[in-house]
N, C-alpha and C. Protein backbone atom coordinates (compact mmCIF):
# COMPACT_ATOMS: atom_id res chain seq x y z
N UNK A 1 0.82 -1.21 0.00
CA UNK A 1 0.00 0.00 0.00
C UNK A 1 0.86 1.27 0.00
N UNK A 2 1.95 1.26 0.78
CA UNK A 2 2.82 2.44 0.83
C UNK A 2 3.51 2.69 -0.51
N UNK A 3 3.73 1.63 -1.29
CA UNK A 3 4.31 1.80 -2.62
C UNK A 3 3.37 2.62 -3.51
N UNK A 4 2.06 2.39 -3.35
CA UNK A 4 1.08 3.17 -4.10
C UNK A 4 1.10 4.63 -3.66
N UNK A 5 1.34 4.86 -2.38
CA UNK A 5 1.43 6.23 -1.86
C UNK A 5 2.63 6.93 -2.47
N UNK A 6 3.75 6.23 -2.62
CA UNK A 6 4.93 6.83 -3.25
C UNK A 6 4.63 7.25 -4.68
N UNK A 7 3.94 6.41 -5.41
CA UNK A 7 3.57 6.74 -6.78
C UNK A 7 2.66 7.96 -6.82
N UNK A 8 1.72 8.01 -5.88
CA UNK A 8 0.80 9.15 -5.79
C UNK A 8 1.56 10.44 -5.47
N UNK A 9 2.56 10.36 -4.59
CA UNK A 9 3.38 11.53 -4.26
C UNK A 9 4.13 12.03 -5.50
N UNK A 10 4.68 11.12 -6.28
CA UNK A 10 5.41 11.52 -7.50
C UNK A 10 4.48 12.22 -8.48
N UNK A 11 3.23 11.75 -8.56
CA UNK A 11 2.29 12.36 -9.49
C UNK A 11 1.77 13.71 -8.99
N UNK A 12 1.45 13.78 -7.70
CA UNK A 12 0.84 15.00 -7.15
C UNK A 12 1.88 16.09 -6.89
N UNK A 13 3.09 15.72 -6.48
CA UNK A 13 4.14 16.68 -6.15
C UNK A 13 5.42 16.38 -6.94
N UNK A 14 5.38 16.52 -8.26
CA UNK A 14 6.58 16.17 -9.04
C UNK A 14 7.78 17.05 -8.71
N UNK A 15 7.53 18.30 -8.33
CA UNK A 15 8.64 19.21 -8.00
C UNK A 15 9.16 18.98 -6.59
N UNK A 16 8.39 18.33 -5.74
CA UNK A 16 8.76 18.14 -4.34
C UNK A 16 9.54 16.85 -4.11
N UNK A 17 9.29 15.83 -4.90
CA UNK A 17 9.93 14.53 -4.71
C UNK A 17 11.28 14.54 -5.42
N UNK A 18 12.35 14.50 -4.64
CA UNK A 18 13.70 14.49 -5.19
C UNK A 18 14.00 13.12 -5.78
N UNK A 19 13.67 12.07 -5.02
CA UNK A 19 13.89 10.71 -5.50
C UNK A 19 13.10 9.72 -4.66
N UNK A 20 12.92 8.54 -5.23
CA UNK A 20 12.35 7.40 -4.53
C UNK A 20 13.47 6.35 -4.55
N UNK A 21 14.24 6.24 -3.47
CA UNK A 21 15.39 5.32 -3.50
C UNK A 21 14.96 3.86 -3.66
N UNK A 22 15.72 3.14 -4.43
CA UNK A 22 15.50 1.71 -4.64
C UNK A 22 16.20 0.91 -3.55
N UNK A 23 15.64 -0.23 -3.22
CA UNK A 23 16.31 -1.15 -2.30
C UNK A 23 16.26 -0.78 -0.83
N UNK A 24 15.38 0.12 -0.44
CA UNK A 24 15.27 0.46 0.98
C UNK A 24 14.36 -0.55 1.67
N UNK A 25 14.58 -0.75 2.94
CA UNK A 25 13.76 -1.71 3.69
C UNK A 25 12.30 -1.26 3.73
N UNK A 26 12.09 0.03 3.97
CA UNK A 26 10.74 0.59 4.01
C UNK A 26 10.55 1.55 2.85
N UNK A 27 9.33 1.68 2.34
CA UNK A 27 9.09 2.65 1.25
C UNK A 27 9.53 4.04 1.69
N UNK A 28 10.32 4.69 0.84
CA UNK A 28 10.97 5.95 1.21
C UNK A 28 10.87 6.95 0.06
N UNK A 29 10.63 8.20 0.43
CA UNK A 29 10.64 9.31 -0.53
C UNK A 29 11.53 10.41 0.02
N UNK A 30 12.37 10.96 -0.83
CA UNK A 30 13.19 12.12 -0.46
C UNK A 30 12.44 13.36 -0.95
N UNK A 31 12.17 14.26 -0.01
CA UNK A 31 11.35 15.45 -0.28
C UNK A 31 12.22 16.71 -0.16
N UNK A 32 11.99 17.68 -1.01
CA UNK A 32 12.70 18.97 -0.89
C UNK A 32 12.29 19.65 0.41
N UNK A 33 13.25 20.32 1.04
CA UNK A 33 13.00 20.95 2.34
C UNK A 33 11.87 21.97 2.27
N UNK A 34 11.77 22.71 1.17
CA UNK A 34 10.73 23.74 1.08
C UNK A 34 9.33 23.17 0.85
N UNK A 35 9.24 21.87 0.58
CA UNK A 35 7.94 21.25 0.34
C UNK A 35 7.50 20.29 1.44
N UNK A 36 8.27 20.17 2.49
CA UNK A 36 7.95 19.16 3.51
C UNK A 36 6.59 19.41 4.16
N UNK A 37 6.23 20.64 4.40
CA UNK A 37 4.94 20.91 5.06
C UNK A 37 3.75 20.56 4.16
N UNK A 38 3.80 20.94 2.89
CA UNK A 38 2.66 20.64 2.02
C UNK A 38 2.53 19.13 1.80
N UNK A 39 3.66 18.42 1.69
CA UNK A 39 3.62 16.96 1.55
C UNK A 39 3.09 16.34 2.84
N UNK A 40 3.55 16.84 3.99
CA UNK A 40 3.10 16.30 5.28
C UNK A 40 1.59 16.50 5.46
N UNK A 41 1.10 17.69 5.13
CA UNK A 41 -0.35 17.94 5.24
C UNK A 41 -1.15 17.03 4.32
N UNK A 42 -0.65 16.82 3.11
CA UNK A 42 -1.33 15.93 2.17
C UNK A 42 -1.36 14.50 2.72
N UNK A 43 -0.22 14.03 3.20
CA UNK A 43 -0.16 12.67 3.72
C UNK A 43 -1.06 12.48 4.94
N UNK A 44 -1.14 13.49 5.79
CA UNK A 44 -2.01 13.39 6.96
C UNK A 44 -3.48 13.50 6.59
N UNK A 45 -3.83 14.54 5.85
CA UNK A 45 -5.24 14.86 5.61
C UNK A 45 -5.88 14.04 4.50
N UNK A 46 -5.14 13.76 3.43
CA UNK A 46 -5.72 13.07 2.29
C UNK A 46 -5.48 11.56 2.30
N UNK A 47 -4.34 11.14 2.81
CA UNK A 47 -4.00 9.72 2.77
C UNK A 47 -4.29 9.04 4.10
N UNK A 48 -4.08 9.75 5.21
CA UNK A 48 -4.38 9.16 6.51
C UNK A 48 -3.17 8.83 7.37
N UNK A 49 -1.99 9.32 7.00
CA UNK A 49 -0.81 9.11 7.84
C UNK A 49 -0.88 10.11 9.00
N UNK A 50 -1.59 9.70 10.05
CA UNK A 50 -1.86 10.61 11.16
C UNK A 50 -0.92 10.44 12.34
N UNK A 51 0.11 9.61 12.19
CA UNK A 51 1.02 9.38 13.31
C UNK A 51 2.46 9.41 12.83
N UNK A 52 3.24 10.32 13.40
CA UNK A 52 4.68 10.37 13.18
C UNK A 52 5.31 9.62 14.34
N UNK A 53 5.85 8.44 14.07
CA UNK A 53 6.38 7.62 15.16
C UNK A 53 7.81 7.96 15.52
N UNK A 54 8.56 8.49 14.55
CA UNK A 54 9.99 8.64 14.79
C UNK A 54 10.56 9.70 13.87
N UNK A 55 11.48 10.48 14.40
CA UNK A 55 12.28 11.43 13.62
C UNK A 55 13.73 11.26 14.02
N UNK A 56 14.61 11.44 13.07
CA UNK A 56 16.03 11.34 13.38
C UNK A 56 16.82 12.30 12.50
N UNK A 57 17.92 12.76 13.04
CA UNK A 57 18.88 13.54 12.28
C UNK A 57 20.05 12.65 11.91
N UNK A 58 20.64 12.92 10.75
CA UNK A 58 21.82 12.17 10.29
C UNK A 58 22.81 13.19 9.76
N UNK A 59 24.08 13.01 10.09
CA UNK A 59 25.14 13.90 9.63
C UNK A 59 26.00 13.17 8.60
N UNK A 60 25.96 13.66 7.36
CA UNK A 60 26.84 13.17 6.31
C UNK A 60 27.88 14.25 6.03
N UNK A 61 29.00 13.90 5.42
CA UNK A 61 30.02 14.93 5.17
C UNK A 61 29.50 16.11 4.36
N UNK A 62 28.60 15.87 3.40
CA UNK A 62 28.15 16.95 2.51
C UNK A 62 26.83 17.59 2.92
N UNK A 63 26.10 16.98 3.87
CA UNK A 63 24.77 17.51 4.24
C UNK A 63 24.27 16.85 5.51
N UNK A 64 23.19 17.42 6.05
CA UNK A 64 22.41 16.75 7.08
C UNK A 64 21.20 16.13 6.41
N UNK A 65 20.58 15.22 7.12
CA UNK A 65 19.36 14.59 6.64
C UNK A 65 18.43 14.44 7.84
N UNK A 66 17.15 14.70 7.65
CA UNK A 66 16.15 14.45 8.69
C UNK A 66 15.20 13.40 8.13
N UNK A 67 14.96 12.36 8.93
CA UNK A 67 14.13 11.23 8.52
C UNK A 67 12.87 11.21 9.37
N UNK A 68 11.73 11.02 8.70
CA UNK A 68 10.42 10.97 9.36
C UNK A 68 9.81 9.59 9.07
N UNK A 69 9.30 8.91 10.09
CA UNK A 69 8.60 7.64 9.91
C UNK A 69 7.12 7.82 10.22
N UNK A 70 6.28 7.51 9.24
CA UNK A 70 4.84 7.75 9.34
C UNK A 70 4.05 6.44 9.32
N UNK A 71 2.93 6.48 10.05
CA UNK A 71 1.97 5.37 10.08
C UNK A 71 0.57 5.93 10.09
N UNK A 72 -0.38 5.07 9.77
CA UNK A 72 -1.78 5.40 9.92
C UNK A 72 -2.32 4.64 11.11
N UNK A 73 -2.95 5.36 12.03
CA UNK A 73 -3.53 4.74 13.21
C UNK A 73 -5.05 4.74 13.10
N UNK A 74 -5.56 4.78 11.87
CA UNK A 74 -7.00 4.87 11.65
C UNK A 74 -7.73 3.58 11.96
N UNK A 75 -8.98 3.71 12.25
CA UNK A 75 -9.82 2.54 12.50
C UNK A 75 -10.49 2.05 11.22
N UNK A 76 -10.45 2.88 10.20
CA UNK A 76 -11.05 2.49 8.93
C UNK A 76 -10.14 1.44 8.27
N UNK A 77 -10.73 0.34 7.79
CA UNK A 77 -9.90 -0.74 7.21
C UNK A 77 -8.99 -0.28 6.09
N UNK A 78 -9.45 0.65 5.25
CA UNK A 78 -8.63 1.08 4.12
C UNK A 78 -7.44 1.93 4.55
N UNK A 79 -7.46 2.44 5.78
CA UNK A 79 -6.35 3.28 6.24
C UNK A 79 -5.55 2.62 7.36
N UNK A 80 -5.99 1.53 7.92
CA UNK A 80 -5.33 0.97 9.08
C UNK A 80 -4.05 0.22 8.73
N UNK A 81 -3.84 -0.12 7.46
CA UNK A 81 -2.64 -0.87 7.11
C UNK A 81 -1.60 0.00 6.41
N UNK A 82 -1.67 1.29 6.59
CA UNK A 82 -0.70 2.19 5.96
C UNK A 82 0.53 2.33 6.84
N UNK A 83 1.65 2.17 6.25
CA UNK A 83 2.89 2.39 6.96
C UNK A 83 3.67 1.10 7.10
N UNK A 84 4.93 1.23 7.38
CA UNK A 84 5.61 2.51 7.56
C UNK A 84 5.91 3.18 6.22
N UNK A 85 6.00 4.49 6.29
CA UNK A 85 6.43 5.30 5.16
C UNK A 85 7.51 6.23 5.68
N UNK A 86 8.67 6.20 5.05
CA UNK A 86 9.77 7.06 5.46
C UNK A 86 9.89 8.24 4.51
N UNK A 87 10.00 9.42 5.09
CA UNK A 87 10.31 10.62 4.33
C UNK A 87 11.70 11.08 4.76
N UNK A 88 12.48 11.52 3.80
CA UNK A 88 13.80 12.08 4.10
C UNK A 88 13.87 13.47 3.50
N UNK A 89 14.50 14.37 4.24
CA UNK A 89 14.73 15.72 3.74
C UNK A 89 16.22 16.01 3.88
N UNK A 90 16.84 16.40 2.76
CA UNK A 90 18.25 16.78 2.78
C UNK A 90 18.37 18.24 3.19
N UNK A 91 19.27 18.50 4.11
CA UNK A 91 19.55 19.87 4.55
C UNK A 91 20.97 20.17 4.11
N UNK A 92 21.08 20.88 3.00
CA UNK A 92 22.37 21.11 2.36
C UNK A 92 23.26 22.12 3.08
N UNK A 93 22.66 23.12 3.72
CA UNK A 93 23.41 24.20 4.36
C UNK A 93 23.90 23.75 5.73
N UNK A 94 25.13 23.24 5.80
CA UNK A 94 25.65 22.74 7.07
C UNK A 94 26.02 23.87 8.03
N UNK A 95 26.26 25.07 7.50
CA UNK A 95 26.62 26.19 8.37
C UNK A 95 25.41 26.73 9.12
N UNK A 96 24.23 26.68 8.50
CA UNK A 96 23.01 27.20 9.12
C UNK A 96 21.84 26.27 8.77
N UNK A 97 21.86 25.04 9.31
CA UNK A 97 20.84 24.07 8.90
C UNK A 97 19.47 24.38 9.51
N UNK A 98 18.44 24.35 8.66
CA UNK A 98 17.09 24.59 9.16
C UNK A 98 16.06 23.92 8.26
N UNK A 99 14.92 23.63 8.87
CA UNK A 99 13.78 23.03 8.19
C UNK A 99 12.52 23.64 8.76
N UNK A 100 11.43 23.63 8.03
CA UNK A 100 10.15 24.03 8.63
C UNK A 100 9.69 22.96 9.63
N UNK A 101 9.04 23.39 10.69
CA UNK A 101 8.53 22.45 11.68
C UNK A 101 7.33 21.68 11.15
N UNK A 102 7.15 20.48 11.66
CA UNK A 102 5.92 19.71 11.41
C UNK A 102 5.23 19.41 12.74
N UNK A 103 5.65 20.09 13.80
CA UNK A 103 5.08 19.81 15.12
C UNK A 103 3.61 20.20 15.24
N UNK A 104 3.14 21.10 14.39
CA UNK A 104 1.71 21.44 14.40
C UNK A 104 0.91 20.46 13.54
N UNK A 105 1.58 19.71 12.70
CA UNK A 105 0.92 18.70 11.86
C UNK A 105 0.85 17.37 12.61
N UNK A 106 1.98 16.96 13.16
CA UNK A 106 2.04 15.75 13.99
C UNK A 106 2.60 16.17 15.35
N UNK A 107 1.79 16.22 16.39
CA UNK A 107 2.26 16.65 17.71
C UNK A 107 3.44 15.83 18.25
N UNK A 108 3.58 14.60 17.81
CA UNK A 108 4.70 13.79 18.28
C UNK A 108 6.05 14.32 17.79
N UNK A 109 6.05 15.25 16.85
CA UNK A 109 7.29 15.85 16.37
C UNK A 109 7.84 16.90 17.32
N UNK A 110 7.01 17.40 18.23
CA UNK A 110 7.39 18.51 19.10
C UNK A 110 8.73 18.23 19.81
N UNK A 111 8.78 17.17 20.59
CA UNK A 111 10.00 16.88 21.36
C UNK A 111 11.09 16.28 20.48
N UNK A 112 10.71 15.57 19.43
CA UNK A 112 11.73 15.00 18.55
C UNK A 112 12.49 16.08 17.80
N UNK A 113 11.80 17.16 17.41
CA UNK A 113 12.51 18.28 16.80
C UNK A 113 13.42 18.96 17.80
N UNK A 114 13.00 19.06 19.06
CA UNK A 114 13.88 19.62 20.10
C UNK A 114 15.14 18.77 20.25
N UNK A 115 14.98 17.46 20.22
CA UNK A 115 16.13 16.57 20.36
C UNK A 115 17.09 16.71 19.19
N UNK A 116 16.56 16.77 17.97
CA UNK A 116 17.42 16.93 16.80
C UNK A 116 18.15 18.27 16.86
N UNK A 117 17.44 19.31 17.29
CA UNK A 117 18.09 20.61 17.46
C UNK A 117 19.22 20.51 18.49
N UNK A 118 18.94 19.88 19.61
CA UNK A 118 19.90 19.78 20.71
C UNK A 118 21.14 18.99 20.32
N UNK A 119 20.99 17.94 19.55
CA UNK A 119 22.11 17.07 19.23
C UNK A 119 22.84 17.45 17.93
N UNK A 120 22.11 18.05 16.96
CA UNK A 120 22.72 18.37 15.66
C UNK A 120 22.77 19.86 15.36
N UNK A 121 21.97 20.67 16.05
CA UNK A 121 21.94 22.10 15.76
C UNK A 121 21.06 22.45 14.57
N UNK A 122 20.21 21.53 14.12
CA UNK A 122 19.29 21.81 13.03
C UNK A 122 18.08 22.54 13.61
N UNK A 123 17.81 23.74 13.15
CA UNK A 123 16.67 24.49 13.67
C UNK A 123 15.42 24.15 12.88
N UNK A 124 14.28 24.25 13.55
CA UNK A 124 12.99 23.97 12.93
C UNK A 124 12.17 25.26 12.98
N UNK A 125 12.07 25.91 11.82
CA UNK A 125 11.39 27.19 11.71
C UNK A 125 9.93 27.04 12.09
N UNK A 126 9.47 27.89 13.00
CA UNK A 126 8.08 27.86 13.42
C UNK A 126 7.80 26.96 14.61
N UNK A 127 8.81 26.28 15.12
CA UNK A 127 8.61 25.42 16.30
C UNK A 127 8.26 26.32 17.49
N UNK A 128 7.23 25.98 18.27
CA UNK A 128 6.79 26.87 19.34
C UNK A 128 7.73 26.97 20.56
N UNK A 129 8.64 26.02 20.73
CA UNK A 129 9.52 26.05 21.90
C UNK A 129 10.82 25.32 21.59
N UNK A 130 11.55 25.79 20.59
CA UNK A 130 12.79 25.12 20.19
C UNK A 130 13.90 25.50 21.17
N UNK A 131 14.34 24.51 21.92
CA UNK A 131 15.40 24.73 22.90
C UNK A 131 16.10 23.41 23.17
N UNK A 132 17.22 23.52 23.83
CA UNK A 132 17.97 22.31 24.19
C UNK A 132 17.23 21.59 25.30
N UNK A 133 17.18 20.25 25.21
CA UNK A 133 16.48 19.49 26.23
C UNK A 133 17.37 18.49 26.95
N UNK A 134 18.52 18.14 26.38
CA UNK A 134 19.47 17.25 27.06
C UNK A 134 20.68 18.04 27.54
N UNK A 135 21.19 18.89 26.68
CA UNK A 135 22.33 19.74 27.04
C UNK A 135 21.76 21.08 27.49
N UNK A 136 22.54 21.84 28.20
CA UNK A 136 22.05 23.13 28.66
C UNK A 136 22.35 24.20 27.61
N UNK A 137 21.57 25.29 27.65
CA UNK A 137 21.84 26.41 26.76
C UNK A 137 23.25 26.90 27.05
N UNK A 138 24.00 27.10 26.02
CA UNK A 138 25.39 27.51 26.19
C UNK A 138 26.37 26.36 26.08
N UNK A 139 25.88 25.12 26.00
CA UNK A 139 26.79 23.99 25.84
C UNK A 139 27.56 24.18 24.54
N UNK A 140 28.87 23.96 24.57
CA UNK A 140 29.69 24.22 23.37
C UNK A 140 29.57 23.12 22.32
N UNK A 141 28.75 23.34 21.32
CA UNK A 141 28.68 22.42 20.19
C UNK A 141 27.44 21.56 20.16
N UNK A 142 27.45 20.64 19.20
CA UNK A 142 26.32 19.75 18.94
C UNK A 142 26.86 18.33 18.96
N UNK A 143 26.55 17.56 20.02
CA UNK A 143 27.23 16.29 20.28
C UNK A 143 27.15 15.21 19.20
N UNK A 144 26.13 15.18 18.36
CA UNK A 144 26.04 14.11 17.35
C UNK A 144 26.55 14.50 15.98
N UNK A 145 27.11 15.71 15.87
CA UNK A 145 27.74 16.09 14.61
C UNK A 145 29.09 15.38 14.50
N UNK A 146 29.44 15.06 13.26
CA UNK A 146 30.71 14.37 13.03
C UNK A 146 31.91 15.24 13.42
N UNK A 147 31.77 16.56 13.33
CA UNK A 147 32.89 17.43 13.66
C UNK A 147 32.96 17.80 15.14
N UNK A 148 32.07 17.24 15.96
CA UNK A 148 32.10 17.52 17.39
C UNK A 148 33.34 16.89 18.00
N UNK A 149 34.08 17.68 18.77
CA UNK A 149 35.27 17.17 19.43
C UNK A 149 34.83 16.39 20.66
N UNK A 150 34.86 15.08 20.53
CA UNK A 150 34.37 14.20 21.59
C UNK A 150 35.47 14.00 22.63
N UNK A 151 35.40 14.79 23.65
CA UNK A 151 36.40 14.67 24.71
C UNK A 151 35.75 15.06 26.03
N UNK A 152 36.42 14.82 27.10
CA UNK A 152 35.92 15.21 28.41
C UNK A 152 36.33 16.66 28.66
N UNK A 153 35.34 17.48 29.01
CA UNK A 153 35.62 18.87 29.34
C UNK A 153 35.96 18.98 30.81
N UNK A 154 36.84 19.87 31.13
CA UNK A 154 37.16 20.10 32.55
C UNK A 154 36.08 20.96 33.17
N UNK A 155 36.02 20.94 34.49
CA UNK A 155 35.05 21.75 35.21
C UNK A 155 35.26 23.23 34.88
N UNK A 156 36.50 23.65 34.81
CA UNK A 156 36.80 25.05 34.53
C UNK A 156 36.32 25.46 33.13
N UNK A 157 36.33 24.55 32.16
CA UNK A 157 35.85 24.87 30.82
C UNK A 157 34.33 24.97 30.76
N UNK A 158 33.65 24.07 31.46
CA UNK A 158 32.19 24.02 31.37
C UNK A 158 31.48 24.95 32.34
N UNK A 159 32.06 25.23 33.47
CA UNK A 159 31.37 26.01 34.49
C UNK A 159 30.86 27.36 33.98
N UNK A 160 31.61 28.11 33.18
CA UNK A 160 31.06 29.39 32.68
C UNK A 160 29.86 29.23 31.75
N UNK A 161 29.66 28.06 31.16
CA UNK A 161 28.55 27.86 30.23
C UNK A 161 27.28 27.40 30.93
N UNK A 162 27.39 26.92 32.16
CA UNK A 162 26.23 26.37 32.87
C UNK A 162 25.36 27.49 33.43
N UNK A 163 24.04 27.27 33.45
CA UNK A 163 23.18 28.28 34.05
C UNK A 163 23.42 28.35 35.55
N UNK A 164 23.29 29.54 36.08
CA UNK A 164 23.49 29.73 37.52
C UNK A 164 22.18 29.40 38.24
N UNK A 165 22.29 28.74 39.42
CA UNK A 165 21.05 28.40 40.14
C UNK A 165 20.38 29.67 40.67
N UNK A 166 19.07 29.61 40.80
CA UNK A 166 18.36 30.79 41.34
C UNK A 166 18.68 30.98 42.82
N UNK A 167 18.56 32.22 43.25
CA UNK A 167 18.75 32.51 44.66
C UNK A 167 17.48 32.13 45.41
N UNK A 168 17.60 31.39 46.49
CA UNK A 168 16.42 30.90 47.21
C UNK A 168 16.17 31.79 48.35
C-alpha cells in the first residue's frame, strides 16, 4: 500500500519529490526541504498518515538529513494498514541548517525536533519552543555532529557555560 502512496506523491508533487530510493527496507521518498509541510499535510489529511512515530537527524560529510517515519492509526480498514512510510529531507546548508517544523501537523514531532536541534543544531522554523532538552543552553557544540570534538571537558571549561542556580 505504501508503494502506491509513493507513486501518488510523485504524481501529485513532481517538484517536491527528489527521488524514490530503490532497495530500501521501508518505502521511502526524499522530499525537498521547502515542500515538507505541504507533503506532510497531504499525507495526513488526504491519505491518513496521522502518526509520526519517529524522527532522526543524520550527519553526512556533505549535508544533514532528517528522517520521518509515518503510520496510519485509523480505524477504517482502508487506512489501518498504511505504513511505515519514510520521508527524508536533505539539509544542504551545514553552516546554518534549518527546516520548517511539522510539530503542528504531527504533535509527536514537538519533542523529537527539540532533540534533533539539541544534538545536531538543526533548527525547525516555526517550532513553538525550540530549545535544548538534554544539554544546557550555552553547551559548546552539537554532540552528534561528526565534527564535534568528543572529549571530556574540565570543570573550569564548562562552568562558565552552565546556568546559575536561582537565589532561594
